[in-house]
Protein backbone atom coordinates (compact mmCIF):
# COMPACT_ATOMS: atom_id res chain seq x y z
CA MET A 1 3.24 25.33 22.09
CA ASP A 2 -0.26 25.95 21.33
CA THR A 3 -0.48 23.03 19.90
CA LEU A 4 0.90 21.21 21.75
CA ASN A 5 -1.05 21.62 24.68
CA LEU A 6 -4.08 20.88 22.37
CA LEU A 7 -2.96 17.80 21.77
CA VAL A 8 -2.14 16.66 25.11
CA ASP A 9 -6.16 18.35 26.29
CA GLY A 10 -6.81 16.05 23.21
CA LEU A 11 -5.08 13.02 25.41
CA GLN A 12 -6.34 13.46 28.34
CA SER A 13 -9.90 13.57 26.44
CA ALA A 14 -9.61 10.91 25.07
CA VAL A 15 -7.15 8.74 27.67
CA THR A 16 -9.76 7.03 29.84
CA PRO A 17 -10.62 4.03 31.08
CA GLU A 18 -14.24 4.17 29.13
CA ASN A 19 -12.44 5.53 25.77
CA LEU A 20 -9.32 3.06 26.30
CA LEU A 21 -11.77 0.32 25.83
CA TYR A 22 -13.40 1.64 22.36
CA ALA A 23 -10.17 1.68 21.02
CA ALA A 24 -8.66 -1.87 22.18
CA ILE A 25 -12.63 -2.91 20.46
CA GLY A 26 -11.33 -1.32 17.26
CA VAL A 27 -8.35 -2.09 16.58
CA LEU A 28 -9.00 -5.99 17.47
CA LEU A 29 -12.34 -6.00 15.22
CA GLY A 30 -10.54 -3.91 12.14
CA THR A 31 -7.74 -6.45 12.96
CA PHE A 32 -10.37 -9.71 12.71
CA VAL A 33 -11.75 -8.00 9.65
CA GLY A 34 -9.11 -6.92 7.72
CA VAL A 35 -7.44 -10.61 8.00
CA LEU A 36 -9.47 -11.34 5.47
CA PRO A 37 -8.57 -11.58 1.89
CA GLY A 38 -9.31 -8.80 -0.21
CA ILE A 39 -10.87 -6.81 3.19
CA GLY A 40 -9.18 -3.27 3.52
CA PRO A 41 -9.47 -0.68 6.02
CA ALA A 42 -12.07 0.96 3.94
CA MET A 43 -14.12 -1.74 3.94
CA ALA A 44 -13.43 -2.89 7.25
CA VAL A 45 -14.72 1.03 8.34
CA ALA A 46 -17.32 0.73 6.57
CA LEU A 47 -18.50 -2.91 8.04
CA LEU A 48 -18.07 -1.68 11.48
CA LEU A 49 -19.82 1.27 10.85
CA PRO A 50 -23.11 0.00 12.70
CA ILE A 51 -21.61 -0.40 15.86
CA THR A 52 -20.99 3.10 16.93
CA TYR A 53 -24.99 4.06 16.05
CA GLY A 54 -26.03 5.56 19.98
CA LEU A 55 -22.26 6.61 20.91
CA ASP A 56 -21.12 10.22 21.40
CA VAL A 57 -19.35 11.80 18.05
CA THR A 58 -16.10 11.33 20.54
CA GLN A 59 -16.19 8.25 20.86
CA SER A 60 -17.49 7.32 17.40
CA MET A 61 -14.42 8.68 16.14
CA ILE A 62 -12.19 6.57 18.88
CA ILE A 63 -13.08 3.52 17.55
CA PHE A 64 -13.09 3.79 13.97
CA ALA A 65 -9.10 5.35 14.52
CA GLY A 66 -8.55 1.98 15.77
CA ILE A 67 -10.76 0.42 12.86
CA TYR A 68 -8.73 1.84 10.54
CA TYR A 69 -4.92 0.73 11.62
CA GLY A 70 -6.51 -2.62 12.97
CA GLY A 71 -7.68 -2.99 9.49
CA MET A 72 -4.32 -2.24 7.76
CA TYR A 73 -2.05 -4.26 9.90
CA GLY A 74 -4.72 -6.86 9.19
CA GLY A 75 -4.52 -6.73 5.34
CA SER A 76 -0.35 -6.75 5.83
CA THR A 77 -1.34 -10.21 8.04
CA THR A 78 -2.84 -11.75 4.80
CA SER A 79 -0.27 -10.69 2.17
CA ILE A 80 2.46 -11.52 4.60
CA LEU A 81 0.64 -15.50 5.48
CA LEU A 82 -1.20 -15.79 2.87
CA ASN A 83 0.45 -13.85 -0.11
CA THR A 84 -3.20 -12.17 -0.22
CA PRO A 85 -3.36 -8.81 0.03
CA GLY A 86 -6.38 -6.96 1.46
CA GLU A 87 -5.89 -3.65 -0.40
CA SER A 88 -3.18 -2.73 -3.10
CA ALA A 89 -0.86 -0.32 -0.67
CA SER A 90 -0.65 -4.19 0.66
CA VAL A 91 0.67 -5.48 -2.39
CA MET A 92 4.49 -3.94 -1.98
CA THR A 93 4.03 -6.07 1.56
CA ALA A 94 2.69 -9.41 0.08
CA ILE A 95 6.12 -9.72 -2.70
CA GLU A 96 8.17 -9.59 0.24
CA GLY A 97 6.54 -11.01 2.95
CA ASN A 98 5.46 -13.97 1.75
CA LYS A 99 8.66 -14.97 1.07
CA MET A 100 10.31 -14.16 4.27
CA ALA A 101 7.48 -16.22 5.31
CA LYS A 102 7.72 -19.30 3.52
CA LYS A 103 11.60 -19.19 4.91
CA GLY A 104 10.20 -19.61 8.11
CA ARG A 105 9.81 -15.51 9.08
CA ALA A 106 7.27 -15.24 9.13
CA ALA A 107 7.05 -13.71 12.45
CA GLN A 108 9.52 -11.37 12.08
CA ALA A 109 7.95 -10.24 9.04
CA LEU A 110 4.65 -9.58 10.71
CA ALA A 111 7.16 -7.76 13.88
CA THR A 112 8.42 -5.59 11.16
CA ALA A 113 4.88 -4.80 10.16
CA ALA A 114 4.01 -3.70 13.07
CA ILE A 115 6.44 -1.97 14.84
CA GLY A 116 7.30 -0.04 10.82
CA SER A 117 3.26 1.18 11.24
CA PHE A 118 3.92 1.71 15.22
CA ILE A 119 6.41 4.00 14.13
CA ALA A 120 5.22 5.12 10.80
CA GLY A 121 1.48 6.16 11.97
CA THR A 122 2.65 8.16 15.31
CA ILE A 123 5.48 10.49 13.21
CA GLY A 124 2.86 10.78 10.26
CA THR A 125 -0.04 11.23 13.44
CA LEU A 126 2.33 14.37 15.19
CA LEU A 127 2.95 15.79 11.49
CA VAL A 128 -0.55 16.50 10.69
CA ALA A 129 -1.32 17.81 14.70
CA PHE A 130 1.82 19.94 14.20
CA PHE A 131 1.49 20.91 10.30
CA THR A 132 -1.81 20.60 9.21
CA PRO A 133 -2.73 24.35 8.45
CA ALA A 134 0.87 24.52 6.70
CA LEU A 135 0.27 21.73 4.79
CA ALA A 136 -2.88 22.04 3.50
CA GLU A 137 -2.40 24.83 1.91
CA GLN A 138 0.93 23.45 0.41
CA ALA A 139 -0.80 20.85 -1.44
CA VAL A 140 -3.86 22.41 -2.95
CA LYS A 141 -0.93 23.71 -5.17
CA VAL A 142 -0.06 20.09 -6.60
CA GLY A 143 -1.67 20.07 -10.02
CA ALA A 144 -1.87 16.69 -12.22
CA PRO A 145 0.93 16.93 -14.67
CA SER A 146 3.56 16.92 -10.99
CA TYR A 147 0.57 13.62 -10.93
CA PHE A 148 1.47 12.36 -13.85
CA ALA A 149 5.11 12.97 -13.32
CA ILE A 150 5.64 11.12 -10.25
CA MET A 151 3.97 7.99 -11.85
CA LEU A 152 5.82 7.41 -14.65
CA LEU A 153 8.77 7.98 -12.61
CA ALA A 154 7.09 4.44 -11.22
CA MET A 155 6.62 2.89 -13.98
CA VAL A 156 10.39 4.11 -15.01
CA LEU A 157 11.83 3.24 -11.97
CA VAL A 158 10.28 -0.47 -11.75
CA CYS A 159 11.65 -1.10 -14.94
CA SER A 160 15.08 -0.40 -13.71
CA VAL A 161 15.20 -2.85 -10.90
CA LEU A 162 13.11 -6.16 -12.71
CA GLY A 163 16.16 -8.23 -12.96
CA ALA A 164 17.95 -9.99 -15.90
CA SER A 165 15.37 -10.36 -18.27
CA LYS A 166 13.85 -6.60 -18.90
CA LEU A 167 12.24 -7.59 -21.81
CA ARG A 168 9.18 -9.88 -19.19
CA GLY A 169 9.43 -7.12 -17.12
CA PHE A 170 7.75 -4.75 -20.04
CA ILE A 171 5.52 -7.55 -20.96
CA GLY A 172 4.01 -7.57 -16.88
CA LEU A 173 3.94 -3.71 -17.32
CA PHE A 174 1.77 -4.16 -20.63
CA MET A 175 -0.08 -6.72 -19.56
CA GLY A 176 -0.67 -4.12 -16.16
CA LEU A 177 -1.79 -1.63 -18.40
CA THR A 178 -3.98 -3.85 -20.84
CA ILE A 179 -6.07 -4.67 -17.83
CA GLY A 180 -6.34 -1.32 -16.02
CA LEU A 181 -7.69 -0.14 -19.49
CA VAL A 182 -10.87 -2.03 -19.46
CA GLY A 183 -13.57 -0.14 -18.78
CA LEU A 184 -15.42 3.32 -20.14
CA ASP A 185 -13.08 5.62 -21.55
CA LEU A 186 -13.48 8.79 -19.33
CA SER A 187 -13.60 11.49 -21.96
CA THR A 188 -16.53 9.55 -24.79
CA ALA A 189 -17.22 6.94 -23.08
CA GLN A 190 -17.06 3.90 -25.24
CA ALA A 191 -16.60 0.96 -23.94
CA ARG A 192 -13.14 -0.32 -24.43
CA LEU A 193 -12.00 -4.02 -23.47
CA THR A 194 -15.65 -4.80 -22.00
CA GLY A 195 -15.97 -7.79 -24.57
CA GLY A 196 -20.10 -6.67 -24.13
CA TYR A 197 -20.52 -7.30 -20.52
CA LEU A 198 -22.15 -4.40 -18.90
CA GLU A 199 -21.09 -5.64 -15.94
CA LEU A 200 -16.86 -4.42 -16.60
CA ALA A 201 -18.23 -0.91 -17.31
CA ASP A 202 -16.39 0.11 -14.29
CA GLY A 203 -13.21 -1.48 -15.05
CA ILE A 204 -11.72 -4.43 -13.04
CA GLY A 205 -11.53 -3.47 -8.98
CA ILE A 206 -7.71 -3.98 -8.16
CA VAL A 207 -8.77 -6.06 -4.96
CA VAL A 208 -10.27 -8.83 -7.48
CA VAL A 209 -6.84 -8.62 -9.60
CA ALA A 210 -4.48 -8.18 -6.15
CA VAL A 211 -6.06 -11.33 -5.23
CA GLY A 212 -6.61 -13.49 -7.98
CA VAL A 213 -2.73 -12.99 -9.04
CA PHE A 214 -1.83 -13.39 -5.80
CA ALA A 215 -3.91 -15.70 -3.79
CA VAL A 216 -5.73 -17.89 -6.47
CA GLY A 217 -2.32 -17.90 -8.44
CA GLU A 218 -0.30 -19.33 -5.60
CA ALA A 219 -2.81 -21.51 -4.73
CA LEU A 220 -2.84 -23.10 -8.19
CA TRP A 221 0.61 -23.40 -8.69
CA THR A 222 1.24 -25.03 -5.98
CA ALA A 223 -2.02 -27.64 -6.27
CA ALA A 224 0.22 -28.24 -9.88
CA HIS A 225 3.34 -28.78 -8.04
CA LEU A 226 1.74 -31.03 -4.92
CA ARG A 227 2.22 -34.35 -6.75
CA ARG A 228 6.06 -33.36 -7.91
CA ARG A 229 6.78 -32.38 -4.35
CA PRO A 230 6.30 -33.73 -0.85
CA VAL A 231 3.34 -31.76 1.36
CA ASP A 232 5.89 -29.86 3.62
CA VAL A 233 4.58 -28.16 7.22
CA ILE A 234 5.91 -24.42 6.78
CA PRO A 235 8.09 -23.52 10.21
CA VAL A 236 6.97 -20.82 12.15
CA GLY A 237 10.64 -19.61 12.83
CA ARG A 238 12.24 -17.57 15.77
CA PRO A 239 8.81 -15.09 17.21
CA PHE A 240 11.01 -11.90 17.01
CA MET A 241 13.01 -9.37 15.65
CA GLY A 242 16.75 -10.46 15.94
CA ARG A 243 19.22 -7.48 16.10
CA GLU A 244 20.32 -7.62 12.53
CA ASP A 245 16.63 -7.67 12.08
CA TRP A 246 16.48 -4.44 14.00
CA ARG A 247 19.42 -3.21 12.20
CA ARG A 248 18.04 -3.40 8.87
CA SER A 249 14.55 -2.38 9.44
CA TRP A 250 15.01 0.84 11.28
CA GLY A 251 16.25 2.70 7.88
CA PRO A 252 13.48 1.88 6.14
CA TRP A 253 10.68 2.18 8.63
CA LEU A 254 12.77 5.88 8.49
CA ARG A 255 13.03 6.02 4.86
CA GLY A 256 9.39 4.44 4.20
CA THR A 257 7.65 7.17 6.84
CA ALA A 258 9.37 10.27 4.77
CA LEU A 259 7.85 9.07 1.33
CA GLY A 260 4.65 7.92 2.47
CA PHE A 261 3.77 11.22 4.51
CA PRO A 262 3.55 13.61 1.93
CA PHE A 263 1.62 11.33 -0.85
CA GLY A 264 -1.60 11.23 2.59
CA ALA A 265 -1.38 14.84 2.70
CA VAL A 266 -1.54 15.76 -1.12
CA PRO A 267 -4.97 15.06 -2.29
CA ALA A 268 -5.56 12.46 -4.34
CA GLY A 269 -2.50 11.38 -3.34
CA GLY A 270 -2.80 7.78 -2.19
CA ALA A 271 -0.87 4.89 -0.13
CA GLU A 272 -0.05 3.16 -3.88
CA THR A 273 2.55 5.13 -5.48
CA PRO A 274 5.06 5.78 -2.48
CA THR A 275 4.54 2.22 -1.47
CA PHE A 276 6.35 1.46 -4.66
CA LEU A 277 9.03 3.89 -4.35
CA SER A 278 9.95 2.35 -1.08
CA TYR A 279 10.02 -0.41 -2.31
CA ILE A 280 12.25 0.36 -4.64
CA THR A 281 14.13 3.00 -2.74
CA GLU A 282 15.34 -0.29 -0.87
CA ARG A 283 16.17 -2.17 -3.46
CA LYS A 284 18.25 0.17 -5.38
CA LEU A 285 20.09 1.18 -1.65
CA ALA A 286 20.62 -2.88 -1.41
CA SER A 287 21.36 -3.38 -5.20
CA ARG A 288 24.56 -0.72 -3.64
CA ARG A 289 25.70 -2.12 -0.73
CA GLY A 290 25.65 -5.38 -2.41
CA SER A 291 22.72 -7.58 -1.13
CA GLY A 292 19.82 -6.47 -3.77
CA ASP A 293 19.79 -10.41 -4.48
CA GLU A 294 17.63 -10.87 -1.40
CA PHE A 295 15.01 -8.87 -3.05
CA GLY A 296 12.26 -11.29 -3.96
CA GLN A 297 13.93 -13.69 -2.15
CA GLY A 298 12.83 -12.29 1.28
CA ALA A 299 14.08 -8.99 2.22
CA ILE A 300 12.96 -7.52 5.79
CA GLU A 301 13.62 -4.21 3.85
CA GLY A 302 10.90 -5.02 1.36
CA VAL A 303 8.36 -5.08 4.02
CA ALA A 304 9.52 -2.80 6.66
CA GLY A 305 9.84 0.00 3.97
CA PRO A 306 6.51 0.01 2.56
CA GLU A 307 4.26 -0.41 5.15
CA ALA A 308 5.83 2.46 6.92
CA ALA A 309 4.98 4.33 3.29
CA ASN A 310 1.57 3.00 3.33
CA ASN A 311 0.77 3.63 7.47
CA ALA A 312 2.27 7.27 7.26
CA SER A 313 -0.21 7.85 3.58
CA ALA A 314 -2.74 6.70 5.88
CA ALA A 315 -2.47 9.03 8.84
CA GLY A 316 -1.34 11.94 6.31
CA MET A 317 -5.32 11.86 4.27
CA PHE A 318 -6.24 13.49 6.92
CA VAL A 319 -4.64 16.88 6.61
CA PRO A 320 -7.02 17.91 3.08
CA LEU A 321 -10.01 15.56 5.22
CA LEU A 322 -9.47 17.51 8.10
CA ALA A 323 -8.29 20.99 6.85
CA LEU A 324 -9.70 20.75 3.67
CA GLY A 325 -12.95 18.52 3.67
CA LEU A 326 -11.72 16.95 1.12
CA PRO A 327 -11.00 12.51 1.29
CA VAL A 328 -8.28 11.70 -0.83
CA THR A 329 -9.08 7.41 -0.40
CA ALA A 330 -11.99 5.16 0.72
CA THR A 331 -11.19 5.19 4.35
CA ALA A 332 -11.96 8.90 4.64
CA SER A 333 -14.75 9.28 2.61
CA ILE A 334 -16.33 7.30 5.18
CA LEU A 335 -14.82 9.04 8.10
CA LEU A 336 -16.18 11.47 6.25
CA ALA A 337 -19.65 10.35 5.71
CA ALA A 338 -19.21 9.75 10.47
CA LEU A 339 -18.41 12.82 10.96
CA THR A 340 -20.99 14.24 8.32
CA SER A 341 -23.88 11.46 10.15
CA TYR A 342 -23.28 13.95 13.34
CA GLY A 343 -23.62 17.38 11.45
CA ILE A 344 -19.74 18.15 12.08
CA VAL A 345 -18.31 19.46 8.32
CA PRO A 346 -14.48 19.18 8.44
CA GLY A 347 -13.30 21.95 6.42
CA PRO A 348 -10.87 25.16 7.14
CA THR A 349 -13.27 26.15 9.97
CA LEU A 350 -13.20 22.94 11.31
CA MET A 351 -10.13 23.12 13.85
CA ALA A 352 -11.30 26.51 14.96
CA ASP A 353 -15.55 25.16 15.60
CA GLN A 354 -15.01 22.08 17.00
CA PRO A 355 -11.31 22.22 18.33
CA ASP A 356 -12.15 19.17 21.02
CA LEU A 357 -13.31 17.14 18.76
CA VAL A 358 -9.93 17.42 16.29
CA TRP A 359 -7.51 17.42 18.76
CA THR A 360 -9.22 14.07 21.03
CA LEU A 361 -9.36 12.45 17.23
CA LEU A 362 -5.89 12.99 16.38
CA ALA A 363 -5.02 12.40 20.58
CA SER A 364 -7.35 8.91 19.30
CA LEU A 365 -5.02 8.26 16.54
CA LEU A 366 -1.64 7.77 18.56
CA ILE A 367 -3.53 5.55 21.27
CA GLY A 368 -5.20 3.77 18.82
CA ASN A 369 -1.51 3.35 16.72
CA ALA A 370 0.73 2.50 20.00
CA LEU A 371 -2.66 0.02 20.87
CA LEU A 372 -2.15 -1.92 17.58
CA LEU A 373 1.32 -2.87 19.29
CA VAL A 374 0.55 -3.48 22.26
CA ILE A 375 -2.13 -6.37 20.59
CA ASN A 376 -0.79 -7.32 17.84
CA LEU A 377 3.48 -7.64 18.58
CA PRO A 378 2.43 -10.42 20.86
CA LEU A 379 0.49 -12.09 18.90
CA ALA A 380 2.77 -12.36 15.85
CA PRO A 381 4.12 -16.15 16.74
CA LEU A 382 0.76 -16.85 16.86
CA TRP A 383 -0.69 -15.38 13.70
CA ALA A 384 2.62 -17.06 12.21
CA LYS A 385 1.01 -20.82 13.40
CA LEU A 386 -0.95 -20.21 10.46
CA LEU A 387 1.36 -21.99 7.95
CA ARG A 388 1.91 -25.06 9.94
CA ILE A 389 -1.40 -26.23 8.45
CA PRO A 390 -0.89 -28.59 5.92
CA ARG A 391 -1.24 -26.98 2.64
CA PRO A 392 -4.23 -28.58 1.16
CA GLN A 393 -6.32 -27.39 3.84
CA LEU A 394 -4.87 -23.96 3.74
CA TYR A 395 -5.21 -23.10 0.45
CA ALA A 396 -8.62 -24.52 0.62
CA GLY A 397 -9.15 -21.83 2.66
CA ILE A 398 -7.61 -19.07 1.46
CA LEU A 399 -9.72 -19.48 -1.92
CA PHE A 400 -12.98 -19.73 -0.09
CA PHE A 401 -11.84 -16.36 2.24
CA ALA A 402 -10.34 -14.98 -1.49
CA SER A 403 -14.03 -15.67 -3.04
CA LEU A 404 -15.92 -14.58 -0.04
CA GLY A 405 -13.64 -11.41 -0.22
CA ALA A 406 -13.86 -10.06 -3.95
CA TYR A 407 -17.39 -11.60 -3.55
CA SER A 408 -18.10 -8.90 -0.86
CA VAL A 409 -16.59 -5.40 -2.67
CA ASN A 410 -19.78 -5.21 -5.36
CA GLN A 411 -21.55 -8.18 -3.83
CA ASP A 412 -21.91 -9.65 -8.43
CA ALA A 413 -21.08 -13.33 -9.26
CA PHE A 414 -19.48 -11.82 -12.34
CA ASP A 415 -16.85 -11.15 -9.46
CA LEU A 416 -16.03 -14.57 -8.37
CA ALA A 417 -15.36 -15.50 -12.82
CA LEU A 418 -12.94 -12.10 -13.38
CA LEU A 419 -11.44 -14.00 -9.92
CA LEU A 420 -10.87 -17.11 -11.22
CA VAL A 421 -9.67 -15.37 -14.55
CA MET A 422 -6.79 -13.34 -12.58
CA GLY A 423 -5.70 -16.68 -11.16
CA ALA A 424 -5.12 -18.12 -14.27
CA VAL A 425 -3.17 -15.12 -15.20
CA GLY A 426 -0.97 -15.44 -12.10
CA LEU A 427 -0.74 -19.12 -12.54
CA THR A 428 0.80 -18.24 -16.47
CA ILE A 429 2.94 -15.10 -15.16
CA ARG A 430 4.79 -17.51 -12.66
CA ARG A 431 4.99 -20.52 -15.40
CA PHE A 432 7.05 -17.92 -17.39
CA GLY A 433 8.92 -15.86 -14.84
CA ILE A 434 6.88 -12.77 -15.93
CA PRO A 435 7.45 -10.45 -12.52
CA VAL A 436 4.03 -9.54 -10.87
CA LEU A 437 5.08 -5.84 -9.85
CA PRO A 438 5.32 -4.03 -12.93
CA LEU A 439 1.72 -6.04 -13.76
CA ILE A 440 0.45 -4.76 -10.17
CA LEU A 441 1.89 -1.33 -11.28
CA GLY A 442 -0.02 -1.52 -14.66
CA VAL A 443 -3.38 -2.16 -12.92
CA ILE A 444 -3.23 0.41 -10.36
CA LEU A 445 -1.51 3.78 -12.09
CA GLY A 446 -2.51 3.20 -15.48
CA PRO A 447 -5.91 4.71 -14.87
CA LEU A 448 -4.70 7.36 -12.23
CA MET A 449 -2.00 8.23 -15.03
CA GLU A 450 -4.67 8.03 -17.95
CA LEU A 451 -6.69 10.13 -15.75
CA LYS A 452 -3.79 13.08 -14.71
CA LEU A 453 -2.62 13.20 -18.28
CA ARG A 454 -6.04 14.09 -19.72
CA GLU A 455 -6.61 16.83 -16.87
CA ALA A 456 -3.68 18.06 -17.66
CA LEU A 457 -4.39 18.65 -21.37
CA ASP A 458 -7.59 19.68 -20.73
CA VAL A 459 -5.41 22.68 -18.43
CA SER A 460 -3.43 23.95 -21.99
CA GLY A 461 -6.25 22.76 -24.60
CA GLY A 462 -3.92 20.21 -25.90
CA ASP A 463 -1.26 21.56 -26.12
CA LEU A 464 1.90 19.37 -24.66
CA SER A 465 3.65 22.21 -22.65
CA GLY A 466 0.41 21.65 -19.54
CA LEU A 467 2.62 18.34 -18.86
CA PHE A 468 5.49 20.86 -17.88
CA ASN A 469 4.08 23.86 -16.23
CA GLU A 470 4.91 22.83 -12.98
CA GLY A 471 8.13 23.10 -10.73
CA LEU A 472 7.73 19.88 -9.22
CA ALA A 473 6.94 18.00 -12.84
CA ILE A 474 9.79 19.75 -14.24
CA PHE A 475 11.62 18.38 -11.37
CA VAL A 476 10.12 15.00 -11.63
CA TYR A 477 11.24 14.77 -15.67
CA VAL A 478 14.85 15.30 -14.88
CA LEU A 479 14.77 12.00 -12.57
CA VAL A 480 12.99 10.43 -15.42
CA VAL A 481 15.75 11.28 -17.83
CA LEU A 482 18.41 10.50 -15.32
CA ALA A 483 16.79 7.13 -14.16
CA LEU A 484 17.03 5.67 -18.36
CA VAL A 485 20.25 8.01 -19.11
CA LEU A 486 22.26 6.71 -16.85
CA PRO A 487 22.16 3.29 -16.25
CA VAL A 488 23.72 3.04 -20.59
CA VAL A 489 26.00 5.39 -19.18
CA LEU A 490 26.47 3.15 -16.57
CA GLY A 491 26.64 -0.50 -18.30
CA ARG A 492 28.73 0.89 -21.02
CA LEU A 493 31.88 2.47 -18.97
CA ARG A 494 32.10 -0.91 -16.87
CA ALA A 495 32.12 -2.22 -20.34
CA ARG A 496 34.62 -0.09 -21.31
CA THR A 497 36.70 -0.72 -18.05
CA ALA A 498 36.08 -4.61 -18.41
CA SER A 499 37.94 -4.05 -21.55
CA VAL A 500 40.42 -1.77 -21.17
CA VAL A 501 41.76 -3.37 -17.27
CA PRO A 502 42.69 -6.92 -19.16
CA LYS A 503 45.11 -6.09 -21.61
CA GLU A 504 46.76 -4.08 -18.84
CA LYS A 505 47.71 -7.60 -17.30
CA VAL A 506 48.84 -9.19 -20.13
CA GLY A 507 51.28 -5.98 -21.36
CA ARG A 508 53.20 -6.41 -17.55
């Protein structure tokens, strides 16, 4: 009850005309900046940081909350409309969302992303408010072996839903892992696959890879086929979600929230793994219902689940930030820098030392999340009309903003060359039917898996038993074994049943 009273007090402090105006400004600015390809919420917050100078800390946090959620939705918008994820956590949204857009269902994809973001963000923020102390205490107990096991499970699961050709899927995964190896070795600092280029010492950024493979690859593929097919205008479709869309979305919203929040609350969790797991979960469930063929063609569940997981993880990251002073994402690092600039040090004593600030911040997250829905849901049909731009002009604009987004990450012209290389990779995988999901999975999770593997082995002195010294890790490894063995066993049982039933019919 004390927590509820404190949250109500925070809402009373945040719900003033002036603070609501700041929240609305933050949401609008975050959305506008986030729509630029390659500009994720972290960069949106960093770019808009100067506008908070001269404001008090409460107003600054309210603007940051609006920018944060606005930037995330802006990244989802580019993923759906332009097949250009602004950050790695939006990759899953691009896979199904862009297919929906091309089928004239862009408005529905944008709407389910906005509503899922609102539901997940609201539930996640309430969980942060009520369970931060307990969750922070449990989060620090999850070690490197469990992280490694969870990421291994993600790779195994994604390989089990690759479709008819497992070989092409493994080729895509191998390509992604190879790209993820570029850079300096974590232990010896020896250069790996850099070709002598110093610019590759830090590896290839996921923004460059994602924007290149998705946006540039899509533009090149479209340009290669413009002569064969007439230039068409993609219809916008109905402006709102129908009853069937609601029926198919509410389950993924809740499941994505349940998957995303724990990963955000765990230090170094991030949003990439839960979005992958959410996509895989929804695809598996759809296969059981007999509608799995729609995945890869524009399934609304593939947008609703990952978007909810992404936003729930974004809310969960405030648990380690506020309770431990530990930023688990790039955006959290910027928020931490902003807090410390005001002389505020997040940590175990923050909620006791600065209760008014903490509860006003949490209340502003709820307000910013609500404003995001109120402002952007009516704009979904308007955003969708971007697709009515003729393809030559549309893809010329995509290439421009993709180049701008890739260049703005490090402000290095070398990234533009990498962007072109990744675009060629995207064109190649489309030409030979190699799925993009395992490639992106390998790029994102490959370096993280290597880091957690080394941490686990360092603690155990190089003994492989260090990978099995946590209960959670053992449980996840059991799931990995089941994921590998069950499909084989079930396949043989089906084959045996299919061979027996015809004989019985013949005997009759």
